[in-house]
Amino acid sequence: MKYELLQMRQQGGAIVNMASGYGVVGSPRGVGAYVASKHGVIGLTKVAALEHAKAGIRVNAVLPGWIHTPMTAPGLRNDPQHEARILEHTPVGRMGTSDEVAEAVVWLCSGAASFVTGHSMVIDGGLLSWAGT
């Protein structure tokens, strides 16, 4: 964002950072560094949104849940029950797609989201709404 903001100060615009649902919860699964980094992305997003709002720069983050991507593919391949455990706790009953995350990013960058800044948009099929997460 350091270099994005230099340009944005001249023209305004929107920045969307990529965090994760792990940015708002903890996990006992040995992913402490990942969880900490995603919490950091959310904090940095909020600070940048506050510092640059008057310059016409909006800064938000998206927090995808379990999305079918090259990063999640090996875990799903190596453990056939992994996806079943994910779906057991995902109210919509499926993993998300990259296109669904991209659509949220496009919306956050559009004029339709002109009053949205400092927001962390969870895109997880309801996973974090489930109390057993």
N, C-alpha and C. Protein backbone atom coordinates (compact mmCIF):
# COMPACT_ATOMS: atom_id res chain seq x y z
N MET A 1 0.82 -1.20 0.00
CA MET A 1 0.00 0.00 0.00
C MET A 1 0.85 1.25 0.00
N LYS A 2 2.06 1.15 0.51
CA LYS A 2 2.94 2.32 0.58
C LYS A 2 3.04 3.01 -0.78
N TYR A 3 3.24 2.23 -1.83
CA TYR A 3 3.41 2.81 -3.16
C TYR A 3 2.07 3.09 -3.84
N GLU A 4 1.06 2.27 -3.55
CA GLU A 4 -0.27 2.55 -4.08
C GLU A 4 -0.77 3.90 -3.59
N LEU A 5 -0.56 4.14 -2.31
CA LEU A 5 -1.07 5.37 -1.71
C LEU A 5 -0.40 6.62 -2.27
N LEU A 6 0.85 6.52 -2.67
CA LEU A 6 1.51 7.67 -3.31
C LEU A 6 0.75 8.11 -4.56
N GLN A 7 0.37 7.15 -5.38
CA GLN A 7 -0.39 7.46 -6.59
C GLN A 7 -1.82 7.86 -6.25
N MET A 8 -2.43 7.15 -5.34
CA MET A 8 -3.82 7.42 -4.98
C MET A 8 -4.00 8.82 -4.40
N ARG A 9 -3.00 9.34 -3.72
CA ARG A 9 -3.12 10.70 -3.16
C ARG A 9 -3.32 11.73 -4.27
N GLN A 10 -2.85 11.43 -5.45
CA GLN A 10 -3.00 12.35 -6.58
C GLN A 10 -4.35 12.19 -7.28
N GLN A 11 -4.95 11.03 -7.16
CA GLN A 11 -6.14 10.77 -7.97
C GLN A 11 -7.34 10.23 -7.18
N GLY A 12 -7.15 9.83 -5.93
CA GLY A 12 -8.21 9.16 -5.20
C GLY A 12 -8.34 7.73 -5.66
N GLY A 13 -9.30 7.04 -5.13
CA GLY A 13 -9.51 5.66 -5.57
C GLY A 13 -9.78 4.72 -4.42
N ALA A 14 -9.66 3.44 -4.71
CA ALA A 14 -9.98 2.42 -3.73
C ALA A 14 -8.90 1.34 -3.73
N ILE A 15 -8.59 0.87 -2.54
CA ILE A 15 -7.66 -0.23 -2.35
C ILE A 15 -8.43 -1.33 -1.63
N VAL A 16 -8.25 -2.56 -2.07
CA VAL A 16 -8.86 -3.71 -1.39
C VAL A 16 -7.74 -4.68 -1.05
N ASN A 17 -7.55 -4.88 0.24
CA ASN A 17 -6.54 -5.81 0.73
C ASN A 17 -7.15 -7.20 0.88
N MET A 18 -6.29 -8.21 0.78
CA MET A 18 -6.72 -9.59 0.91
C MET A 18 -6.32 -10.09 2.30
N ALA A 19 -7.31 -10.42 3.11
CA ALA A 19 -7.05 -11.00 4.42
C ALA A 19 -7.60 -12.43 4.40
N SER A 20 -8.33 -12.81 5.41
CA SER A 20 -8.90 -14.15 5.52
C SER A 20 -9.86 -14.15 6.69
N GLY A 21 -10.75 -15.11 6.72
CA GLY A 21 -11.59 -15.27 7.89
C GLY A 21 -10.77 -15.47 9.15
N TYR A 22 -9.56 -16.01 8.99
CA TYR A 22 -8.66 -16.18 10.13
C TYR A 22 -8.16 -14.83 10.66
N GLY A 23 -8.50 -13.75 9.99
CA GLY A 23 -8.13 -12.42 10.49
C GLY A 23 -9.02 -11.93 11.61
N VAL A 24 -10.12 -12.65 11.88
CA VAL A 24 -11.04 -12.24 12.94
C VAL A 24 -11.28 -13.34 13.97
N VAL A 25 -10.62 -14.48 13.82
CA VAL A 25 -10.73 -15.56 14.79
C VAL A 25 -9.34 -16.12 15.04
N GLY A 26 -9.23 -16.96 16.03
CA GLY A 26 -8.00 -17.69 16.29
C GLY A 26 -8.16 -19.12 15.80
N SER A 27 -7.10 -19.91 15.93
CA SER A 27 -7.16 -21.31 15.54
C SER A 27 -6.14 -22.11 16.32
N PRO A 28 -6.54 -23.27 16.82
CA PRO A 28 -5.59 -24.12 17.53
C PRO A 28 -4.87 -25.08 16.58
N ARG A 29 -4.91 -24.84 15.29
CA ARG A 29 -4.44 -25.80 14.28
C ARG A 29 -3.03 -25.55 13.78
N GLY A 30 -2.20 -24.88 14.54
CA GLY A 30 -0.82 -24.69 14.13
C GLY A 30 -0.62 -23.67 13.01
N VAL A 31 -1.51 -22.71 12.91
CA VAL A 31 -1.40 -21.69 11.86
C VAL A 31 -1.27 -20.30 12.48
N GLY A 32 -0.57 -20.22 13.60
CA GLY A 32 -0.45 -18.97 14.34
C GLY A 32 0.11 -17.82 13.52
N ALA A 33 1.17 -18.07 12.75
CA ALA A 33 1.75 -16.99 11.95
C ALA A 33 0.77 -16.50 10.89
N TYR A 34 0.04 -17.43 10.28
CA TYR A 34 -0.95 -17.06 9.26
C TYR A 34 -2.06 -16.21 9.90
N VAL A 35 -2.57 -16.66 11.05
CA VAL A 35 -3.63 -15.93 11.75
C VAL A 35 -3.14 -14.53 12.13
N ALA A 36 -1.93 -14.45 12.66
CA ALA A 36 -1.39 -13.15 13.06
C ALA A 36 -1.23 -12.22 11.86
N SER A 37 -0.77 -12.76 10.74
CA SER A 37 -0.59 -11.91 9.56
C SER A 37 -1.92 -11.39 9.04
N LYS A 38 -2.96 -12.19 9.09
CA LYS A 38 -4.28 -11.75 8.61
C LYS A 38 -4.91 -10.74 9.56
N HIS A 39 -4.69 -10.90 10.87
CA HIS A 39 -5.13 -9.87 11.81
C HIS A 39 -4.41 -8.55 11.49
N GLY A 40 -3.13 -8.65 11.16
CA GLY A 40 -2.35 -7.46 10.81
C GLY A 40 -2.87 -6.77 9.57
N VAL A 41 -3.27 -7.54 8.56
CA VAL A 41 -3.83 -6.95 7.34
C VAL A 41 -5.09 -6.16 7.66
N ILE A 42 -5.94 -6.71 8.51
CA ILE A 42 -7.17 -6.01 8.87
C ILE A 42 -6.87 -4.73 9.64
N GLY A 43 -5.94 -4.79 10.58
CA GLY A 43 -5.57 -3.59 11.33
C GLY A 43 -4.98 -2.53 10.43
N LEU A 44 -4.09 -2.93 9.53
CA LEU A 44 -3.48 -1.99 8.59
C LEU A 44 -4.53 -1.37 7.67
N THR A 45 -5.50 -2.18 7.26
CA THR A 45 -6.60 -1.68 6.42
C THR A 45 -7.37 -0.58 7.14
N LYS A 46 -7.70 -0.80 8.40
CA LYS A 46 -8.46 0.20 9.16
C LYS A 46 -7.66 1.48 9.35
N VAL A 47 -6.39 1.35 9.69
CA VAL A 47 -5.55 2.54 9.89
C VAL A 47 -5.42 3.32 8.59
N ALA A 48 -5.15 2.62 7.49
CA ALA A 48 -5.01 3.30 6.19
C ALA A 48 -6.32 3.98 5.79
N ALA A 49 -7.44 3.34 6.06
CA ALA A 49 -8.74 3.94 5.73
C ALA A 49 -8.93 5.24 6.49
N LEU A 50 -8.57 5.24 7.76
CA LEU A 50 -8.72 6.45 8.57
C LEU A 50 -7.74 7.55 8.15
N GLU A 51 -6.51 7.16 7.86
CA GLU A 51 -5.48 8.15 7.51
C GLU A 51 -5.71 8.79 6.15
N HIS A 52 -6.40 8.11 5.24
CA HIS A 52 -6.48 8.59 3.86
C HIS A 52 -7.90 8.90 3.38
N ALA A 53 -8.88 8.82 4.25
CA ALA A 53 -10.27 9.07 3.86
C ALA A 53 -10.47 10.48 3.31
N LYS A 54 -9.88 11.46 3.95
CA LYS A 54 -10.08 12.85 3.51
C LYS A 54 -9.42 13.12 2.16
N ALA A 55 -8.51 12.25 1.75
CA ALA A 55 -7.87 12.38 0.44
C ALA A 55 -8.67 11.66 -0.65
N GLY A 56 -9.85 11.15 -0.29
CA GLY A 56 -10.69 10.47 -1.27
C GLY A 56 -10.25 9.05 -1.57
N ILE A 57 -9.51 8.47 -0.64
CA ILE A 57 -9.03 7.10 -0.82
C ILE A 57 -9.79 6.19 0.13
N ARG A 58 -10.41 5.19 -0.42
CA ARG A 58 -11.10 4.19 0.40
C ARG A 58 -10.24 2.94 0.48
N VAL A 59 -10.15 2.37 1.68
CA VAL A 59 -9.34 1.16 1.88
C VAL A 59 -10.19 0.14 2.63
N ASN A 60 -10.36 -1.01 2.02
CA ASN A 60 -11.16 -2.09 2.60
C ASN A 60 -10.39 -3.40 2.47
N ALA A 61 -10.94 -4.45 3.02
CA ALA A 61 -10.33 -5.78 2.91
C ALA A 61 -11.43 -6.80 2.65
N VAL A 62 -11.07 -7.86 1.96
CA VAL A 62 -11.95 -9.01 1.83
C VAL A 62 -11.35 -10.15 2.64
N LEU A 63 -12.24 -10.92 3.25
CA LEU A 63 -11.85 -12.02 4.12
C LEU A 63 -12.49 -13.31 3.61
N PRO A 64 -11.88 -13.93 2.62
CA PRO A 64 -12.46 -15.17 2.10
C PRO A 64 -12.37 -16.29 3.13
N GLY A 65 -13.35 -17.16 3.06
CA GLY A 65 -13.31 -18.40 3.82
C GLY A 65 -12.66 -19.46 2.96
N TRP A 66 -13.23 -20.64 2.96
CA TRP A 66 -12.68 -21.74 2.16
C TRP A 66 -13.10 -21.56 0.70
N ILE A 67 -12.10 -21.27 -0.13
CA ILE A 67 -12.31 -21.01 -1.56
C ILE A 67 -11.52 -22.05 -2.35
N HIS A 68 -12.12 -22.60 -3.39
CA HIS A 68 -11.39 -23.52 -4.27
C HIS A 68 -10.31 -22.73 -5.01
N THR A 69 -9.06 -22.94 -4.65
CA THR A 69 -7.91 -22.27 -5.28
C THR A 69 -6.75 -23.25 -5.34
N PRO A 70 -5.68 -22.90 -6.06
CA PRO A 70 -4.48 -23.74 -6.04
C PRO A 70 -3.90 -23.91 -4.64
N MET A 71 -4.13 -22.93 -3.75
CA MET A 71 -3.61 -23.05 -2.38
C MET A 71 -4.38 -24.10 -1.57
N THR A 72 -5.68 -24.22 -1.79
CA THR A 72 -6.47 -25.18 -1.03
C THR A 72 -6.49 -26.56 -1.68
N ALA A 73 -6.15 -26.66 -2.95
CA ALA A 73 -6.25 -27.93 -3.68
C ALA A 73 -5.41 -29.06 -3.07
N PRO A 74 -4.15 -28.84 -2.70
CA PRO A 74 -3.37 -29.96 -2.15
C PRO A 74 -3.98 -30.54 -0.88
N GLY A 75 -4.46 -29.70 0.02
CA GLY A 75 -5.07 -30.19 1.24
C GLY A 75 -6.32 -31.01 0.97
N LEU A 76 -7.09 -30.60 -0.03
CA LEU A 76 -8.30 -31.34 -0.38
C LEU A 76 -7.95 -32.66 -1.05
N ARG A 77 -6.91 -32.66 -1.87
CA ARG A 77 -6.46 -33.90 -2.53
C ARG A 77 -5.87 -34.89 -1.53
N ASN A 78 -5.06 -34.38 -0.60
CA ASN A 78 -4.34 -35.25 0.33
C ASN A 78 -5.22 -35.82 1.44
N ASP A 79 -6.34 -35.18 1.71
CA ASP A 79 -7.23 -35.64 2.79
C ASP A 79 -8.66 -35.59 2.27
N PRO A 80 -9.17 -36.72 1.79
CA PRO A 80 -10.51 -36.74 1.20
C PRO A 80 -11.61 -36.26 2.15
N GLN A 81 -11.40 -36.33 3.45
CA GLN A 81 -12.40 -35.90 4.42
C GLN A 81 -12.32 -34.40 4.74
N HIS A 82 -11.25 -33.75 4.26
CA HIS A 82 -11.05 -32.34 4.59
C HIS A 82 -12.21 -31.47 4.10
N GLU A 83 -12.61 -31.66 2.85
CA GLU A 83 -13.72 -30.85 2.33
C GLU A 83 -15.01 -31.16 3.07
N ALA A 84 -15.23 -32.42 3.43
CA ALA A 84 -16.45 -32.77 4.17
C ALA A 84 -16.49 -32.05 5.52
N ARG A 85 -15.32 -31.93 6.20
CA ARG A 85 -15.28 -31.20 7.48
C ARG A 85 -15.56 -29.72 7.27
N ILE A 86 -15.03 -29.16 6.18
CA ILE A 86 -15.29 -27.75 5.87
C ILE A 86 -16.79 -27.53 5.64
N LEU A 87 -17.37 -28.38 4.82
CA LEU A 87 -18.77 -28.21 4.45
C LEU A 87 -19.71 -28.44 5.64
N GLU A 88 -19.28 -29.25 6.58
CA GLU A 88 -20.09 -29.49 7.78
C GLU A 88 -20.34 -28.20 8.55
N HIS A 89 -19.42 -27.25 8.43
CA HIS A 89 -19.52 -25.99 9.17
C HIS A 89 -19.81 -24.78 8.27
N THR A 90 -20.08 -25.02 7.01
CA THR A 90 -20.35 -23.93 6.07
C THR A 90 -21.84 -23.95 5.72
N PRO A 91 -22.61 -23.01 6.24
CA PRO A 91 -24.06 -23.04 6.06
C PRO A 91 -24.54 -23.16 4.61
N VAL A 92 -23.85 -22.55 3.65
CA VAL A 92 -24.34 -22.65 2.27
C VAL A 92 -24.04 -24.00 1.65
N GLY A 93 -23.24 -24.83 2.32
CA GLY A 93 -23.03 -26.20 1.88
C GLY A 93 -22.03 -26.41 0.77
N ARG A 94 -21.18 -25.44 0.52
CA ARG A 94 -20.16 -25.59 -0.51
C ARG A 94 -19.01 -24.62 -0.24
N MET A 95 -17.89 -24.88 -0.89
CA MET A 95 -16.79 -23.93 -0.84
C MET A 95 -17.05 -22.84 -1.87
N GLY A 96 -16.40 -21.71 -1.70
CA GLY A 96 -16.58 -20.60 -2.62
C GLY A 96 -15.67 -20.70 -3.83
N THR A 97 -15.84 -19.75 -4.73
CA THR A 97 -15.00 -19.69 -5.94
C THR A 97 -14.23 -18.36 -5.96
N SER A 98 -13.17 -18.36 -6.69
CA SER A 98 -12.39 -17.13 -6.86
C SER A 98 -13.23 -16.03 -7.49
N ASP A 99 -14.13 -16.41 -8.39
CA ASP A 99 -15.00 -15.41 -9.03
C ASP A 99 -15.88 -14.71 -8.01
N GLU A 100 -16.35 -15.43 -7.01
CA GLU A 100 -17.20 -14.82 -5.98
C GLU A 100 -16.42 -13.80 -5.16
N VAL A 101 -15.17 -14.10 -4.88
CA VAL A 101 -14.33 -13.14 -4.17
C VAL A 101 -14.05 -11.94 -5.07
N ALA A 102 -13.74 -12.19 -6.33
CA ALA A 102 -13.46 -11.12 -7.28
C ALA A 102 -14.64 -10.17 -7.44
N GLU A 103 -15.85 -10.71 -7.45
CA GLU A 103 -17.04 -9.86 -7.57
C GLU A 103 -17.17 -8.91 -6.38
N ALA A 104 -16.83 -9.39 -5.20
CA ALA A 104 -16.87 -8.52 -4.01
C ALA A 104 -15.81 -7.42 -4.13
N VAL A 105 -14.63 -7.77 -4.62
CA VAL A 105 -13.56 -6.79 -4.80
C VAL A 105 -13.99 -5.72 -5.81
N VAL A 106 -14.56 -6.15 -6.92
CA VAL A 106 -15.03 -5.20 -7.93
C VAL A 106 -16.06 -4.25 -7.33
N TRP A 107 -16.99 -4.79 -6.54
CA TRP A 107 -17.99 -3.93 -5.90
C TRP A 107 -17.33 -2.93 -4.97
N LEU A 108 -16.38 -3.38 -4.14
CA LEU A 108 -15.71 -2.47 -3.22
C LEU A 108 -14.94 -1.37 -3.95
N CYS A 109 -14.50 -1.64 -5.16
CA CYS A 109 -13.77 -0.64 -5.95
C CYS A 109 -14.71 0.28 -6.72
N SER A 110 -15.97 -0.07 -6.79
CA SER A 110 -16.92 0.68 -7.61
C SER A 110 -17.52 1.86 -6.85
N GLY A 111 -18.17 2.72 -7.61
CA GLY A 111 -18.88 3.85 -7.02
C GLY A 111 -20.03 3.41 -6.14
N ALA A 112 -20.54 2.20 -6.35
CA ALA A 112 -21.64 1.70 -5.52
C ALA A 112 -21.21 1.55 -4.06
N ALA A 113 -19.90 1.47 -3.82
CA ALA A 113 -19.37 1.33 -2.46
C ALA A 113 -18.68 2.62 -2.00
N SER A 114 -19.12 3.75 -2.53
CA SER A 114 -18.43 5.01 -2.28
C SER A 114 -18.43 5.46 -0.82
N PHE A 115 -19.30 4.89 0.00
CA PHE A 115 -19.37 5.26 1.41
C PHE A 115 -18.82 4.15 2.31
N VAL A 116 -18.10 3.21 1.70
CA VAL A 116 -17.55 2.07 2.43
C VAL A 116 -16.04 2.21 2.52
N THR A 117 -15.52 2.35 3.73
CA THR A 117 -14.08 2.37 3.94
C THR A 117 -13.76 1.84 5.33
N GLY A 118 -12.64 1.16 5.43
CA GLY A 118 -12.24 0.55 6.70
C GLY A 118 -12.98 -0.74 7.00
N HIS A 119 -13.68 -1.26 6.01
CA HIS A 119 -14.53 -2.44 6.21
C HIS A 119 -13.77 -3.73 5.89
N SER A 120 -14.06 -4.77 6.65
CA SER A 120 -13.55 -6.10 6.39
C SER A 120 -14.72 -6.98 5.99
N MET A 121 -14.82 -7.28 4.70
CA MET A 121 -15.96 -8.02 4.16
C MET A 121 -15.68 -9.52 4.17
N VAL A 122 -16.43 -10.23 4.99
CA VAL A 122 -16.30 -11.67 5.09
C VAL A 122 -17.05 -12.32 3.93
N ILE A 123 -16.37 -13.21 3.22
CA ILE A 123 -16.95 -13.92 2.08
C ILE A 123 -16.70 -15.40 2.34
N ASP A 124 -17.58 -16.02 3.13
CA ASP A 124 -17.29 -17.37 3.59
C ASP A 124 -18.48 -18.31 3.63
N GLY A 125 -19.57 -17.96 2.97
CA GLY A 125 -20.72 -18.85 2.96
C GLY A 125 -21.36 -19.03 4.33
N GLY A 126 -21.12 -18.08 5.24
CA GLY A 126 -21.72 -18.14 6.57
C GLY A 126 -20.88 -18.86 7.62
N LEU A 127 -19.69 -19.28 7.24
CA LEU A 127 -18.85 -20.06 8.17
C LEU A 127 -18.61 -19.37 9.50
N LEU A 128 -18.22 -18.08 9.49
CA LEU A 128 -17.94 -17.39 10.74
C LEU A 128 -19.20 -17.06 11.54
N SER A 129 -20.36 -17.19 10.92
CA SER A 129 -21.61 -16.98 11.65
C SER A 129 -21.97 -18.19 12.49
N TRP A 130 -21.37 -19.32 12.19
CA TRP A 130 -21.66 -20.55 12.90
C TRP A 130 -20.88 -20.55 14.21
N ALA A 131 -21.56 -20.76 15.32
CA ALA A 131 -20.95 -20.67 16.65
C ALA A 131 -19.86 -21.71 16.88
N GLY A 132 -19.86 -22.79 16.13
CA GLY A 132 -18.86 -23.84 16.32
C GLY A 132 -17.56 -23.63 15.58
N THR A 133 -17.42 -22.47 14.92
CA THR A 133 -16.21 -22.21 14.14
C THR A 133 -14.99 -22.18 15.02
